[in-house]
Amino acid sequence: MDLNHKVILIVGGTSGLGESAARKFLQYGAKVAVMGRSESKIQSASQWLGDDGVAIQSDAADPVQVDRAF
């Protein structure tokens, strides 16, 4: 699967299944944005995302925070 030039957003992408999916999408060449609530997990995700992604601290249940994230 070739995902070059694609951007993937994963809510809850800083741990568990979301993190696994984000890492797999990176392997397939996508640029990945992950959202999560935990500052420490966001910092960790920033490390493994490297230059191919971005980690955004945001609570997907809060519309104001989601608007800010985008």
PDB file of N, CA and C in Angstrom:
ATOM      1  N   MET A   1       0.849  -1.169   0.000  1.00  0.00           N
ATOM      2  CA  MET A   1       0.000   0.000   0.000  1.00  0.00           C
ATOM      3  C   MET A   1       0.898   1.237   0.000  1.00  0.00           C
ATOM      4  N   ASP A   2       0.667   2.133  -0.917  1.00  0.00           N
ATOM      5  CA  ASP A   2       1.453   3.360  -1.027  1.00  0.00           C
ATOM      6  C   ASP A   2       0.609   4.535  -0.546  1.00  0.00           C
ATOM      7  N   LEU A   3       1.027   5.131   0.550  1.00  0.00           N
ATOM      8  CA  LEU A   3       0.296   6.282   1.089  1.00  0.00           C
ATOM      9  C   LEU A   3       1.103   7.570   0.990  1.00  0.00           C
ATOM     10  N   ASN A   4       2.100   7.588   0.115  1.00  0.00           N
ATOM     11  CA  ASN A   4       2.855   8.822  -0.100  1.00  0.00           C
ATOM     12  C   ASN A   4       1.895   9.929  -0.508  1.00  0.00           C
ATOM     13  N   HIS A   5       2.138  11.123  -0.016  1.00  0.00           N
ATOM     14  CA  HIS A   5       1.333  12.311  -0.301  1.00  0.00           C
ATOM     15  C   HIS A   5      -0.048  12.266   0.353  1.00  0.00           C
ATOM     16  N   LYS A   6      -0.250  11.362   1.307  1.00  0.00           N
ATOM     17  CA  LYS A   6      -1.504  11.293   2.057  1.00  0.00           C
ATOM     18  C   LYS A   6      -1.255  11.760   3.484  1.00  0.00           C
ATOM     19  N   VAL A   7      -2.259  12.373   4.089  1.00  0.00           N
ATOM     20  CA  VAL A   7      -2.182  12.807   5.479  1.00  0.00           C
ATOM     21  C   VAL A   7      -3.268  12.070   6.255  1.00  0.00           C
ATOM     22  N   ILE A   8      -2.866  11.460   7.360  1.00  0.00           N
ATOM     23  CA  ILE A   8      -3.776  10.687   8.195  1.00  0.00           C
ATOM     24  C   ILE A   8      -3.874  11.367   9.554  1.00  0.00           C
ATOM     25  N   LEU A   9      -5.089  11.566  10.064  1.00  0.00           N
ATOM     26  CA  LEU A   9      -5.307  12.092  11.407  1.00  0.00           C
ATOM     27  C   LEU A   9      -5.888  10.975  12.255  1.00  0.00           C
ATOM     28  N   ILE A  10      -5.254  10.712  13.396  1.00  0.00           N
ATOM     29  CA  ILE A  10      -5.737   9.675  14.295  1.00  0.00           C
ATOM     30  C   ILE A  10      -6.016  10.301  15.653  1.00  0.00           C
ATOM     31  N   VAL A  11      -7.283  10.289  16.043  1.00  0.00           N
ATOM     32  CA  VAL A  11      -7.681  10.752  17.367  1.00  0.00           C
ATOM     33  C   VAL A  11      -7.383   9.606  18.335  1.00  0.00           C
ATOM     34  N   GLY A  12      -6.679   9.902  19.415  1.00  0.00           N
ATOM     35  CA  GLY A  12      -6.266   8.849  20.334  1.00  0.00           C
ATOM     36  C   GLY A  12      -5.072   8.086  19.794  1.00  0.00           C
ATOM     37  N   GLY A  13      -4.257   8.766  19.021  1.00  0.00           N
ATOM     38  CA  GLY A  13      -3.134   8.114  18.357  1.00  0.00           C
ATOM     39  C   GLY A  13      -1.844   8.075  19.147  1.00  0.00           C
ATOM     40  N   THR A  14      -1.899   8.386  20.435  1.00  0.00           N
ATOM     41  CA  THR A  14      -0.662   8.420  21.221  1.00  0.00           C
ATOM     42  C   THR A  14      -0.416   7.148  22.008  1.00  0.00           C
ATOM     43  N   SER A  15      -1.358   6.201  21.957  1.00  0.00           N
ATOM     44  CA  SER A  15      -1.157   4.931  22.659  1.00  0.00           C
ATOM     45  C   SER A  15      -2.090   3.869  22.084  1.00  0.00           C
ATOM     46  N   GLY A  16      -1.854   2.646  22.482  1.00  0.00           N
ATOM     47  CA  GLY A  16      -2.736   1.541  22.113  1.00  0.00           C
ATOM     48  C   GLY A  16      -2.895   1.340  20.621  1.00  0.00           C
ATOM     49  N   LEU A  17      -4.115   1.009  20.220  1.00  0.00           N
ATOM     50  CA  LEU A  17      -4.420   0.738  18.824  1.00  0.00           C
ATOM     51  C   LEU A  17      -4.156   1.949  17.932  1.00  0.00           C
ATOM     52  N   GLY A  18      -4.472   3.139  18.431  1.00  0.00           N
ATOM     53  CA  GLY A  18      -4.228   4.353  17.650  1.00  0.00           C
ATOM     54  C   GLY A  18      -2.753   4.547  17.347  1.00  0.00           C
ATOM     55  N   GLU A  19      -1.899   4.309  18.347  1.00  0.00           N
ATOM     56  CA  GLU A  19      -0.452   4.425  18.126  1.00  0.00           C
ATOM     57  C   GLU A  19       0.021   3.377  17.127  1.00  0.00           C
ATOM     58  N   SER A  20      -0.471   2.154  17.266  1.00  0.00           N
ATOM     59  CA  SER A  20      -0.079   1.092  16.331  1.00  0.00           C
ATOM     60  C   SER A  20      -0.458   1.452  14.898  1.00  0.00           C
ATOM     61  N   ALA A  21      -1.665   1.988  14.729  1.00  0.00           N
ATOM     62  CA  ALA A  21      -2.111   2.402  13.396  1.00  0.00           C
ATOM     63  C   ALA A  21      -1.245   3.531  12.862  1.00  0.00           C
ATOM     64  N   ALA A  22      -0.941   4.509  13.709  1.00  0.00           N
ATOM     65  CA  ALA A  22      -0.114   5.640  13.280  1.00  0.00           C
ATOM     66  C   ALA A  22       1.258   5.158  12.813  1.00  0.00           C
ATOM     67  N   ARG A  23       1.859   4.263  13.575  1.00  0.00           N
ATOM     68  CA  ARG A  23       3.179   3.735  13.193  1.00  0.00           C
ATOM     69  C   ARG A  23       3.106   2.979  11.868  1.00  0.00           C
ATOM     70  N   LYS A  24       2.048   2.232  11.648  1.00  0.00           N
ATOM     71  CA  LYS A  24       1.892   1.479  10.393  1.00  0.00           C
ATOM     72  C   LYS A  24       1.708   2.443   9.223  1.00  0.00           C
ATOM     73  N   PHE A  25       0.890   3.473   9.403  1.00  0.00           N
ATOM     74  CA  PHE A  25       0.704   4.455   8.330  1.00  0.00           C
ATOM     75  C   PHE A  25       2.025   5.141   7.980  1.00  0.00           C
ATOM     76  N   LEU A  26       2.860   5.419   8.984  1.00  0.00           N
ATOM     77  CA  LEU A  26       4.184   5.996   8.721  1.00  0.00           C
ATOM     78  C   LEU A  26       5.010   5.066   7.849  1.00  0.00           C
ATOM     79  N   GLN A  27       4.948   3.770   8.133  1.00  0.00           N
ATOM     80  CA  GLN A  27       5.702   2.786   7.347  1.00  0.00           C
ATOM     81  C   GLN A  27       5.271   2.786   5.884  1.00  0.00           C
ATOM     82  N   TYR A  28       4.003   3.088   5.647  1.00  0.00           N
ATOM     83  CA  TYR A  28       3.478   3.117   4.287  1.00  0.00           C
ATOM     84  C   TYR A  28       3.663   4.474   3.607  1.00  0.00           C
ATOM     85  N   GLY A  29       4.356   5.399   4.270  1.00  0.00           N
ATOM     86  CA  GLY A  29       4.717   6.656   3.631  1.00  0.00           C
ATOM     87  C   GLY A  29       3.803   7.838   3.898  1.00  0.00           C
ATOM     88  N   ALA A  30       2.785   7.663   4.720  1.00  0.00           N
ATOM     89  CA  ALA A  30       1.863   8.771   5.009  1.00  0.00           C
ATOM     90  C   ALA A  30       2.494   9.756   5.979  1.00  0.00           C
ATOM     91  N   LYS A  31       2.025  10.966   5.952  1.00  0.00           N
ATOM     92  CA  LYS A  31       2.285  11.948   6.990  1.00  0.00           C
ATOM     93  C   LYS A  31       1.172  11.742   8.009  1.00  0.00           C
ATOM     94  N   VAL A  32       1.510  11.737   9.288  1.00  0.00           N
ATOM     95  CA  VAL A  32       0.536  11.370  10.309  1.00  0.00           C
ATOM     96  C   VAL A  32       0.416  12.458  11.375  1.00  0.00           C
ATOM     97  N   ALA A  33      -0.824  12.810  11.690  1.00  0.00           N
ATOM     98  CA  ALA A  33      -1.113  13.692  12.815  1.00  0.00           C
ATOM     99  C   ALA A  33      -1.859  12.861  13.849  1.00  0.00           C
ATOM    100  N   VAL A  34      -1.395  12.915  15.082  1.00  0.00           N
ATOM    101  CA  VAL A  34      -2.088  12.215  16.159  1.00  0.00           C
ATOM    102  C   VAL A  34      -2.576  13.230  17.171  1.00  0.00           C
ATOM    103  N   MET A  35      -3.737  12.954  17.732  1.00  0.00           N
ATOM    104  CA  MET A  35      -4.293  13.805  18.776  1.00  0.00           C
ATOM    105  C   MET A  35      -4.431  12.986  20.045  1.00  0.00           C
ATOM    106  N   GLY A  36      -4.180  13.629  21.174  1.00  0.00           N
ATOM    107  CA  GLY A  36      -4.338  12.972  22.458  1.00  0.00           C
ATOM    108  C   GLY A  36      -4.432  13.998  23.563  1.00  0.00           C
ATOM    109  N   ARG A  37      -4.838  13.543  24.745  1.00  0.00           N
ATOM    110  CA  ARG A  37      -5.037  14.466  25.869  1.00  0.00           C
ATOM    111  C   ARG A  37      -3.804  14.595  26.752  1.00  0.00           C
ATOM    112  N   SER A  38      -3.009  13.550  26.850  1.00  0.00           N
ATOM    113  CA  SER A  38      -1.894  13.512  27.786  1.00  0.00           C
ATOM    114  C   SER A  38      -0.661  14.232  27.238  1.00  0.00           C
ATOM    115  N   GLU A  39      -0.189  15.226  27.976  1.00  0.00           N
ATOM    116  CA  GLU A  39       0.987  15.978  27.533  1.00  0.00           C
ATOM    117  C   GLU A  39       2.211  15.083  27.404  1.00  0.00           C
ATOM    118  N   SER A  40       2.401  14.159  28.341  1.00  0.00           N
ATOM    119  CA  SER A  40       3.577  13.284  28.282  1.00  0.00           C
ATOM    120  C   SER A  40       3.502  12.340  27.080  1.00  0.00           C
ATOM    121  N   LYS A  41       2.314  11.853  26.767  1.00  0.00           N
ATOM    122  CA  LYS A  41       2.167  10.978  25.595  1.00  0.00           C
ATOM    123  C   LYS A  41       2.338  11.757  24.300  1.00  0.00           C
ATOM    124  N   ILE A  42       1.903  13.014  24.293  1.00  0.00           N
ATOM    125  CA  ILE A  42       2.098  13.873  23.120  1.00  0.00           C
ATOM    126  C   ILE A  42       3.586  14.087  22.885  1.00  0.00           C
ATOM    127  N   GLN A  43       4.327  14.349  23.947  1.00  0.00           N
ATOM    128  CA  GLN A  43       5.780  14.538  23.820  1.00  0.00           C
ATOM    129  C   GLN A  43       6.451  13.267  23.303  1.00  0.00           C
ATOM    130  N   SER A  44       6.042  12.122  23.826  1.00  0.00           N
ATOM    131  CA  SER A  44       6.598  10.850  23.363  1.00  0.00           C
ATOM    132  C   SER A  44       6.274  10.616  21.885  1.00  0.00           C
ATOM    133  N   ALA A  45       5.021  10.880  21.506  1.00  0.00           N
ATOM    134  CA  ALA A  45       4.613  10.691  20.113  1.00  0.00           C
ATOM    135  C   ALA A  45       5.398  11.607  19.181  1.00  0.00           C
ATOM    136  N   SER A  46       5.679  12.813  19.621  1.00  0.00           N
ATOM    137  CA  SER A  46       6.470  13.738  18.800  1.00  0.00           C
ATOM    138  C   SER A  46       7.825  13.126  18.456  1.00  0.00           C
ATOM    139  N   GLN A  47       8.381  12.383  19.402  1.00  0.00           N
ATOM    140  CA  GLN A  47       9.687  11.743  19.182  1.00  0.00           C
ATOM    141  C   GLN A  47       9.597  10.679  18.088  1.00  0.00           C
ATOM    142  N   TRP A  48       8.645   9.745  18.219  1.00  0.00           N
ATOM    143  CA  TRP A  48       8.607   8.665  17.239  1.00  0.00           C
ATOM    144  C   TRP A  48       7.996   9.077  15.903  1.00  0.00           C
ATOM    145  N   LEU A  49       7.225  10.158  15.880  1.00  0.00           N
ATOM    146  CA  LEU A  49       6.700  10.661  14.613  1.00  0.00           C
ATOM    147  C   LEU A  49       7.800  11.314  13.776  1.00  0.00           C
ATOM    148  N   GLY A  50       8.750  11.934  14.437  1.00  0.00           N
ATOM    149  CA  GLY A  50       9.832  12.598  13.727  1.00  0.00           C
ATOM    150  C   GLY A  50       9.327  13.670  12.781  1.00  0.00           C
ATOM    151  N   ASP A  51       9.975  13.771  11.625  1.00  0.00           N
ATOM    152  CA  ASP A  51       9.617  14.794  10.638  1.00  0.00           C
ATOM    153  C   ASP A  51       8.402  14.414   9.798  1.00  0.00           C
ATOM    154  N   ASP A  52       7.900  13.195   9.984  1.00  0.00           N
ATOM    155  CA  ASP A  52       6.784  12.722   9.162  1.00  0.00           C
ATOM    156  C   ASP A  52       5.427  12.870   9.836  1.00  0.00           C
ATOM    157  N   GLY A  53       5.394  13.596  10.952  1.00  0.00           N
ATOM    158  CA  GLY A  53       4.113  13.751  11.621  1.00  0.00           C
ATOM    159  C   GLY A  53       4.117  14.853  12.645  1.00  0.00           C
ATOM    160  N   VAL A  54       2.966  14.994  13.282  1.00  0.00           N
ATOM    161  CA  VAL A  54       2.790  16.003  14.315  1.00  0.00           C
ATOM    162  C   VAL A  54       1.871  15.429  15.387  1.00  0.00           C
ATOM    163  N   ALA A  55       2.177  15.745  16.637  1.00  0.00           N
ATOM    164  CA  ALA A  55       1.337  15.332  17.757  1.00  0.00           C
ATOM    165  C   ALA A  55       0.675  16.574  18.342  1.00  0.00           C
ATOM    166  N   ILE A  56      -0.629  16.503  18.526  1.00  0.00           N
ATOM    167  CA  ILE A  56      -1.421  17.653  18.952  1.00  0.00           C
ATOM    168  C   ILE A  56      -2.153  17.306  20.241  1.00  0.00           C
ATOM    169  N   GLN A  57      -1.946  18.120  21.267  1.00  0.00           N
ATOM    170  CA  GLN A  57      -2.674  17.902  22.512  1.00  0.00           C
ATOM    171  C   GLN A  57      -4.064  18.494  22.372  1.00  0.00           C
ATOM    172  N   SER A  58      -5.081  17.635  22.484  1.00  0.00           N
ATOM    173  CA  SER A  58      -6.462  18.071  22.324  1.00  0.00           C
ATOM    174  C   SER A  58      -7.392  16.984  22.843  1.00  0.00           C
ATOM    175  N   ASP A  59      -8.512  17.396  23.414  1.00  0.00           N
ATOM    176  CA  ASP A  59      -9.540  16.476  23.861  1.00  0.00           C
ATOM    177  C   ASP A  59     -10.626  16.449  22.794  1.00  0.00           C
ATOM    178  N   ALA A  60     -10.766  15.325  22.111  1.00  0.00           N
ATOM    179  CA  ALA A  60     -11.724  15.219  21.006  1.00  0.00           C
ATOM    180  C   ALA A  60     -13.169  15.370  21.453  1.00  0.00           C
ATOM    181  N   ALA A  61     -13.422  15.265  22.745  1.00  0.00           N
ATOM    182  CA  ALA A  61     -14.779  15.446  23.261  1.00  0.00           C
ATOM    183  C   ALA A  61     -15.129  16.914  23.476  1.00  0.00           C
ATOM    184  N   ASP A  62     -14.151  17.795  23.313  1.00  0.00           N
ATOM    185  CA  ASP A  62     -14.361  19.231  23.530  1.00  0.00           C
ATOM    186  C   ASP A  62     -14.282  19.953  22.188  1.00  0.00           C
ATOM    187  N   PRO A  63     -15.418  20.403  21.644  1.00  0.00           N
ATOM    188  CA  PRO A  63     -15.423  21.043  20.328  1.00  0.00           C
ATOM    189  C   PRO A  63     -14.485  22.249  20.217  1.00  0.00           C
ATOM    190  N   VAL A  64     -14.342  23.008  21.288  1.00  0.00           N
ATOM    191  CA  VAL A  64     -13.456  24.171  21.261  1.00  0.00           C
ATOM    192  C   VAL A  64     -12.007  23.718  21.061  1.00  0.00           C
ATOM    193  N   GLN A  65     -11.597  22.681  21.766  1.00  0.00           N
ATOM    194  CA  GLN A  65     -10.227  22.181  21.616  1.00  0.00           C
ATOM    195  C   GLN A  65      -9.997  21.600  20.224  1.00  0.00           C
ATOM    196  N   VAL A  66     -10.993  20.931  19.689  1.00  0.00           N
ATOM    197  CA  VAL A  66     -10.866  20.366  18.333  1.00  0.00           C
ATOM    198  C   VAL A  66     -10.724  21.487  17.310  1.00  0.00           C
ATOM    199  N   ASP A  67     -11.517  22.543  17.452  1.00  0.00           N
ATOM    200  CA  ASP A  67     -11.387  23.695  16.554  1.00  0.00           C
ATOM    201  C   ASP A  67      -9.986  24.280  16.619  1.00  0.00           C
ATOM    202  N   ARG A  68      -9.453  24.419  17.825  1.00  0.00           N
ATOM    203  CA  ARG A  68      -8.088  24.944  17.987  1.00  0.00           C
ATOM    204  C   ARG A  68      -7.061  24.035  17.337  1.00  0.00           C
ATOM    205  N   ALA A  69      -7.254  22.739  17.464  1.00  0.00           N
ATOM    206  CA  ALA A  69      -6.311  21.769  16.909  1.00  0.00           C
ATOM    207  C   ALA A  69      -6.209  21.903  15.388  1.00  0.00           C
ATOM    208  N   PHE A  70      -7.356  22.159  14.752  1.00  0.00           N
ATOM    209  CA  PHE A  70      -7.338  22.274  13.306  1.00  0.00           C
ATOM    210  C   PHE A  70      -6.916  23.652  12.871  1.00  0.00           C
TER     211      PHE A  70
END
